[in-house]
Amino acid sequence: MTVPMEITCRDVKDMLDRGDSFLLLDCREREEHTTAHIAAAELLPMSEIVDRVGELEPYRGKTIVVHCHHGGRSLRVANWLRSQGYDTACSMAGGIDDWSQTIDA
């Protein structure tokens, strides 16, 4: 299964609405998550991911969509996850900023 490196907010919303089986991973820091977050997302801050990557083992082979504020950190995390064998990791383009403008204000 080939998964693109980036996915749009609309595509993520459609996946959620369909009930697709995937992990939506918020890689922002806890303070950012407290300010605003997507209810379906699991928080795993970028600063903790190296130490906690084992928690993602149940999702190996499943789609992991990573999001952050604007898409930069999530793209780095998705690339790193792919280098660790999570071949279906991708980044939500535009991050929660785009999500709040196009999906849920």
N, C-alpha and C. Protein backbone atom coordinates (compact mmCIF):
# COMPACT_ATOMS: atom_id res chain seq x y z
N MET A 1 0.85 -1.18 0.00
CA MET A 1 0.00 0.00 0.00
C MET A 1 0.89 1.24 0.00
N THR A 2 0.75 2.07 -1.01
CA THR A 2 1.51 3.29 -1.10
C THR A 2 0.68 4.44 -0.53
N VAL A 3 1.24 5.10 0.46
CA VAL A 3 0.56 6.23 1.10
C VAL A 3 1.36 7.48 0.78
N PRO A 4 0.70 8.56 0.31
CA PRO A 4 1.43 9.79 0.03
C PRO A 4 2.05 10.36 1.30
N MET A 5 3.09 11.17 1.14
CA MET A 5 3.77 11.76 2.31
C MET A 5 2.88 12.78 3.00
N GLU A 6 2.00 13.44 2.27
CA GLU A 6 1.08 14.42 2.86
C GLU A 6 -0.35 14.11 2.45
N ILE A 7 -1.27 14.48 3.32
CA ILE A 7 -2.69 14.27 3.09
C ILE A 7 -3.41 15.56 3.51
N THR A 8 -4.49 15.89 2.84
CA THR A 8 -5.20 17.13 3.16
C THR A 8 -6.09 16.96 4.39
N CYS A 9 -6.43 18.09 4.99
CA CYS A 9 -7.36 18.07 6.12
C CYS A 9 -8.71 17.47 5.70
N ARG A 10 -9.16 17.80 4.51
CA ARG A 10 -10.44 17.28 4.01
C ARG A 10 -10.39 15.76 3.92
N ASP A 11 -9.27 15.22 3.42
CA ASP A 11 -9.14 13.77 3.33
C ASP A 11 -9.15 13.12 4.71
N VAL A 12 -8.49 13.75 5.68
CA VAL A 12 -8.49 13.22 7.05
C VAL A 12 -9.90 13.24 7.62
N LYS A 13 -10.61 14.34 7.41
CA LYS A 13 -12.01 14.45 7.89
C LYS A 13 -12.86 13.37 7.25
N ASP A 14 -12.69 13.14 5.95
CA ASP A 14 -13.45 12.09 5.26
C ASP A 14 -13.13 10.71 5.85
N MET A 15 -11.85 10.47 6.17
CA MET A 15 -11.45 9.19 6.77
C MET A 15 -12.13 9.01 8.13
N LEU A 16 -12.16 10.08 8.92
CA LEU A 16 -12.83 10.03 10.22
C LEU A 16 -14.33 9.76 10.06
N ASP A 17 -14.95 10.48 9.12
CA ASP A 17 -16.40 10.33 8.90
C ASP A 17 -16.76 8.92 8.43
N ARG A 18 -15.88 8.29 7.65
CA ARG A 18 -16.13 6.93 7.17
C ARG A 18 -15.84 5.89 8.24
N GLY A 19 -15.15 6.28 9.27
CA GLY A 19 -14.77 5.33 10.31
C GLY A 19 -13.57 4.47 9.92
N ASP A 20 -12.73 5.02 9.02
CA ASP A 20 -11.53 4.29 8.61
C ASP A 20 -10.66 3.98 9.82
N SER A 21 -9.96 2.87 9.75
CA SER A 21 -9.05 2.48 10.82
C SER A 21 -7.69 3.10 10.57
N PHE A 22 -7.35 4.12 11.37
CA PHE A 22 -6.05 4.78 11.27
C PHE A 22 -5.80 5.52 12.57
N LEU A 23 -4.55 5.90 12.78
CA LEU A 23 -4.19 6.68 13.95
C LEU A 23 -3.96 8.12 13.54
N LEU A 24 -4.66 9.04 14.18
CA LEU A 24 -4.42 10.47 14.00
C LEU A 24 -3.55 10.89 15.18
N LEU A 25 -2.33 11.27 14.89
CA LEU A 25 -1.33 11.53 15.91
C LEU A 25 -0.98 13.02 15.95
N ASP A 26 -1.19 13.64 17.10
CA ASP A 26 -0.87 15.05 17.31
C ASP A 26 0.55 15.11 17.88
N CYS A 27 1.49 15.68 17.14
CA CYS A 27 2.88 15.73 17.60
C CYS A 27 3.25 17.07 18.22
N ARG A 28 2.26 17.90 18.50
CA ARG A 28 2.54 19.17 19.15
C ARG A 28 2.83 18.94 20.64
N GLU A 29 3.28 19.97 21.31
CA GLU A 29 3.54 19.86 22.75
C GLU A 29 2.24 19.97 23.53
N ARG A 30 2.27 19.52 24.76
CA ARG A 30 1.06 19.46 25.60
C ARG A 30 0.35 20.81 25.72
N GLU A 31 1.11 21.89 25.86
CA GLU A 31 0.50 23.21 26.00
C GLU A 31 -0.31 23.57 24.76
N GLU A 32 0.23 23.25 23.59
CA GLU A 32 -0.48 23.52 22.34
C GLU A 32 -1.76 22.69 22.26
N HIS A 33 -1.66 21.43 22.66
CA HIS A 33 -2.81 20.52 22.64
C HIS A 33 -3.91 21.02 23.56
N THR A 34 -3.52 21.57 24.72
CA THR A 34 -4.49 22.09 25.68
C THR A 34 -5.26 23.26 25.08
N THR A 35 -4.58 24.08 24.29
CA THR A 35 -5.21 25.26 23.68
C THR A 35 -6.28 24.86 22.66
N ALA A 36 -5.96 23.91 21.80
CA ALA A 36 -6.90 23.44 20.77
C ALA A 36 -6.44 22.07 20.29
N HIS A 37 -7.39 21.17 20.08
CA HIS A 37 -7.04 19.84 19.58
C HIS A 37 -8.21 19.22 18.82
N ILE A 38 -7.88 18.21 18.05
CA ILE A 38 -8.87 17.44 17.32
C ILE A 38 -9.23 16.26 18.22
N ALA A 39 -10.51 16.10 18.50
CA ALA A 39 -10.95 15.10 19.49
C ALA A 39 -10.45 13.69 19.18
N ALA A 40 -10.37 13.33 17.92
CA ALA A 40 -9.98 11.96 17.55
C ALA A 40 -8.47 11.72 17.62
N ALA A 41 -7.69 12.78 17.84
CA ALA A 41 -6.23 12.65 17.79
C ALA A 41 -5.64 12.21 19.13
N GLU A 42 -4.59 11.40 19.04
CA GLU A 42 -3.79 10.99 20.20
C GLU A 42 -2.59 11.91 20.28
N LEU A 43 -2.28 12.38 21.48
CA LEU A 43 -1.13 13.26 21.67
C LEU A 43 0.13 12.44 21.92
N LEU A 44 1.14 12.68 21.10
CA LEU A 44 2.48 12.13 21.31
C LEU A 44 3.45 13.21 20.82
N PRO A 45 3.89 14.09 21.75
CA PRO A 45 4.72 15.22 21.35
C PRO A 45 5.99 14.79 20.62
N MET A 46 6.38 15.60 19.65
CA MET A 46 7.60 15.35 18.88
C MET A 46 8.79 15.18 19.82
N SER A 47 8.82 15.96 20.90
CA SER A 47 9.95 15.90 21.83
C SER A 47 10.03 14.58 22.59
N GLU A 48 8.97 13.77 22.55
CA GLU A 48 8.93 12.50 23.27
C GLU A 48 8.91 11.28 22.35
N ILE A 49 8.80 11.50 21.06
CA ILE A 49 8.53 10.39 20.14
C ILE A 49 9.63 9.34 20.10
N VAL A 50 10.89 9.76 20.18
CA VAL A 50 11.99 8.79 20.13
C VAL A 50 11.88 7.83 21.31
N ASP A 51 11.60 8.36 22.49
CA ASP A 51 11.49 7.53 23.69
C ASP A 51 10.20 6.71 23.74
N ARG A 52 9.17 7.15 23.05
CA ARG A 52 7.86 6.50 23.17
C ARG A 52 7.40 5.80 21.89
N VAL A 53 8.27 5.68 20.89
CA VAL A 53 7.88 5.12 19.60
C VAL A 53 7.29 3.71 19.76
N GLY A 54 7.71 2.98 20.76
CA GLY A 54 7.17 1.64 20.98
C GLY A 54 5.66 1.62 21.18
N GLU A 55 5.11 2.71 21.64
CA GLU A 55 3.66 2.81 21.83
C GLU A 55 2.91 2.74 20.49
N LEU A 56 3.62 2.98 19.42
CA LEU A 56 2.99 2.97 18.08
C LEU A 56 3.03 1.60 17.43
N GLU A 57 3.67 0.64 18.06
CA GLU A 57 3.82 -0.70 17.47
C GLU A 57 2.49 -1.30 17.00
N PRO A 58 1.39 -1.14 17.76
CA PRO A 58 0.11 -1.70 17.28
C PRO A 58 -0.36 -1.10 15.95
N TYR A 59 0.22 0.02 15.56
CA TYR A 59 -0.19 0.69 14.33
C TYR A 59 0.76 0.44 13.16
N ARG A 60 1.77 -0.39 13.39
CA ARG A 60 2.69 -0.72 12.29
C ARG A 60 1.87 -1.40 11.19
N GLY A 61 2.01 -0.90 9.97
CA GLY A 61 1.26 -1.44 8.84
C GLY A 61 -0.09 -0.77 8.65
N LYS A 62 -0.51 0.06 9.62
CA LYS A 62 -1.75 0.82 9.48
C LYS A 62 -1.39 2.27 9.18
N THR A 63 -2.33 3.00 8.66
CA THR A 63 -2.08 4.40 8.35
C THR A 63 -1.96 5.21 9.64
N ILE A 64 -0.90 6.01 9.70
CA ILE A 64 -0.69 6.97 10.79
C ILE A 64 -0.64 8.34 10.15
N VAL A 65 -1.58 9.20 10.53
CA VAL A 65 -1.61 10.58 10.04
C VAL A 65 -1.13 11.46 11.18
N VAL A 66 -0.03 12.16 10.96
CA VAL A 66 0.57 13.02 11.98
C VAL A 66 0.17 14.46 11.70
N HIS A 67 -0.21 15.19 12.75
CA HIS A 67 -0.48 16.62 12.55
C HIS A 67 0.20 17.45 13.62
N CYS A 68 0.45 18.71 13.28
CA CYS A 68 1.03 19.68 14.21
C CYS A 68 0.29 21.00 14.00
N HIS A 69 0.97 22.11 14.20
CA HIS A 69 0.31 23.41 14.05
C HIS A 69 0.13 23.78 12.57
N HIS A 70 1.22 23.76 11.80
CA HIS A 70 1.15 24.15 10.39
C HIS A 70 1.57 23.06 9.41
N GLY A 71 2.18 21.99 9.88
CA GLY A 71 2.56 20.90 8.99
C GLY A 71 4.05 20.63 8.90
N GLY A 72 4.88 21.49 9.45
CA GLY A 72 6.33 21.30 9.37
C GLY A 72 6.83 20.19 10.28
N ARG A 73 6.47 20.26 11.55
CA ARG A 73 6.89 19.22 12.49
C ARG A 73 6.30 17.87 12.12
N SER A 74 5.04 17.87 11.73
CA SER A 74 4.40 16.59 11.40
C SER A 74 5.06 15.93 10.19
N LEU A 75 5.52 16.73 9.25
CA LEU A 75 6.22 16.18 8.09
C LEU A 75 7.55 15.54 8.53
N ARG A 76 8.26 16.20 9.45
CA ARG A 76 9.51 15.63 9.97
C ARG A 76 9.23 14.34 10.74
N VAL A 77 8.18 14.34 11.56
CA VAL A 77 7.83 13.14 12.34
C VAL A 77 7.42 12.01 11.40
N ALA A 78 6.61 12.30 10.39
CA ALA A 78 6.19 11.26 9.44
C ALA A 78 7.39 10.68 8.71
N ASN A 79 8.32 11.53 8.30
CA ASN A 79 9.55 11.04 7.65
C ASN A 79 10.34 10.16 8.59
N TRP A 80 10.47 10.57 9.85
CA TRP A 80 11.22 9.78 10.83
C TRP A 80 10.52 8.44 11.07
N LEU A 81 9.20 8.46 11.20
CA LEU A 81 8.45 7.21 11.39
C LEU A 81 8.67 6.27 10.21
N ARG A 82 8.66 6.80 9.01
CA ARG A 82 8.92 5.96 7.84
C ARG A 82 10.31 5.33 7.92
N SER A 83 11.27 6.10 8.41
CA SER A 83 12.63 5.55 8.54
C SER A 83 12.71 4.46 9.62
N GLN A 84 11.71 4.42 10.49
CA GLN A 84 11.64 3.40 11.53
C GLN A 84 10.77 2.21 11.13
N GLY A 85 10.31 2.20 9.88
CA GLY A 85 9.53 1.09 9.38
C GLY A 85 8.03 1.30 9.39
N TYR A 86 7.58 2.49 9.76
CA TYR A 86 6.14 2.81 9.71
C TYR A 86 5.87 3.41 8.33
N ASP A 87 5.80 2.54 7.34
CA ASP A 87 5.77 2.94 5.93
C ASP A 87 4.51 3.69 5.51
N THR A 88 3.48 3.65 6.35
CA THR A 88 2.23 4.31 5.99
C THR A 88 2.01 5.60 6.77
N ALA A 89 3.06 6.11 7.41
CA ALA A 89 2.96 7.39 8.11
C ALA A 89 2.92 8.53 7.10
N CYS A 90 2.09 9.53 7.37
CA CYS A 90 2.00 10.70 6.51
C CYS A 90 1.67 11.92 7.36
N SER A 91 1.81 13.08 6.78
CA SER A 91 1.58 14.35 7.47
C SER A 91 0.30 15.00 6.96
N MET A 92 -0.48 15.58 7.90
CA MET A 92 -1.66 16.33 7.51
C MET A 92 -1.21 17.73 7.12
N ALA A 93 -1.27 18.02 5.84
CA ALA A 93 -0.81 19.30 5.30
C ALA A 93 -1.60 20.46 5.93
N GLY A 94 -0.88 21.48 6.35
CA GLY A 94 -1.52 22.67 6.91
C GLY A 94 -1.78 22.58 8.40
N GLY A 95 -1.71 21.38 8.95
CA GLY A 95 -1.87 21.19 10.39
C GLY A 95 -3.21 21.61 10.94
N ILE A 96 -3.23 21.78 12.27
CA ILE A 96 -4.49 22.13 12.93
C ILE A 96 -4.91 23.56 12.56
N ASP A 97 -3.96 24.38 12.11
CA ASP A 97 -4.30 25.72 11.66
C ASP A 97 -5.24 25.63 10.45
N ASP A 98 -4.88 24.82 9.46
CA ASP A 98 -5.73 24.63 8.29
C ASP A 98 -7.03 23.92 8.67
N TRP A 99 -6.93 22.94 9.58
CA TRP A 99 -8.12 22.22 10.06
C TRP A 99 -9.13 23.21 10.64
N SER A 100 -8.65 24.16 11.45
CA SER A 100 -9.56 25.12 12.09
C SER A 100 -10.17 26.09 11.08
N GLN A 101 -9.51 26.29 9.95
CA GLN A 101 -10.06 27.19 8.93
C GLN A 101 -11.01 26.48 7.96
N THR A 102 -10.76 25.18 7.72
CA THR A 102 -11.55 24.48 6.68
C THR A 102 -12.51 23.43 7.22
N ILE A 103 -12.26 22.94 8.43
CA ILE A 103 -13.08 21.83 8.95
C ILE A 103 -13.87 22.23 10.20
N ASP A 104 -13.16 22.72 11.22
CA ASP A 104 -13.80 22.96 12.52
C ASP A 104 -13.22 24.20 13.18
N ALA A 105 -13.95 25.28 13.08
CA ALA A 105 -13.49 26.54 13.69
C ALA A 105 -13.54 26.46 15.20
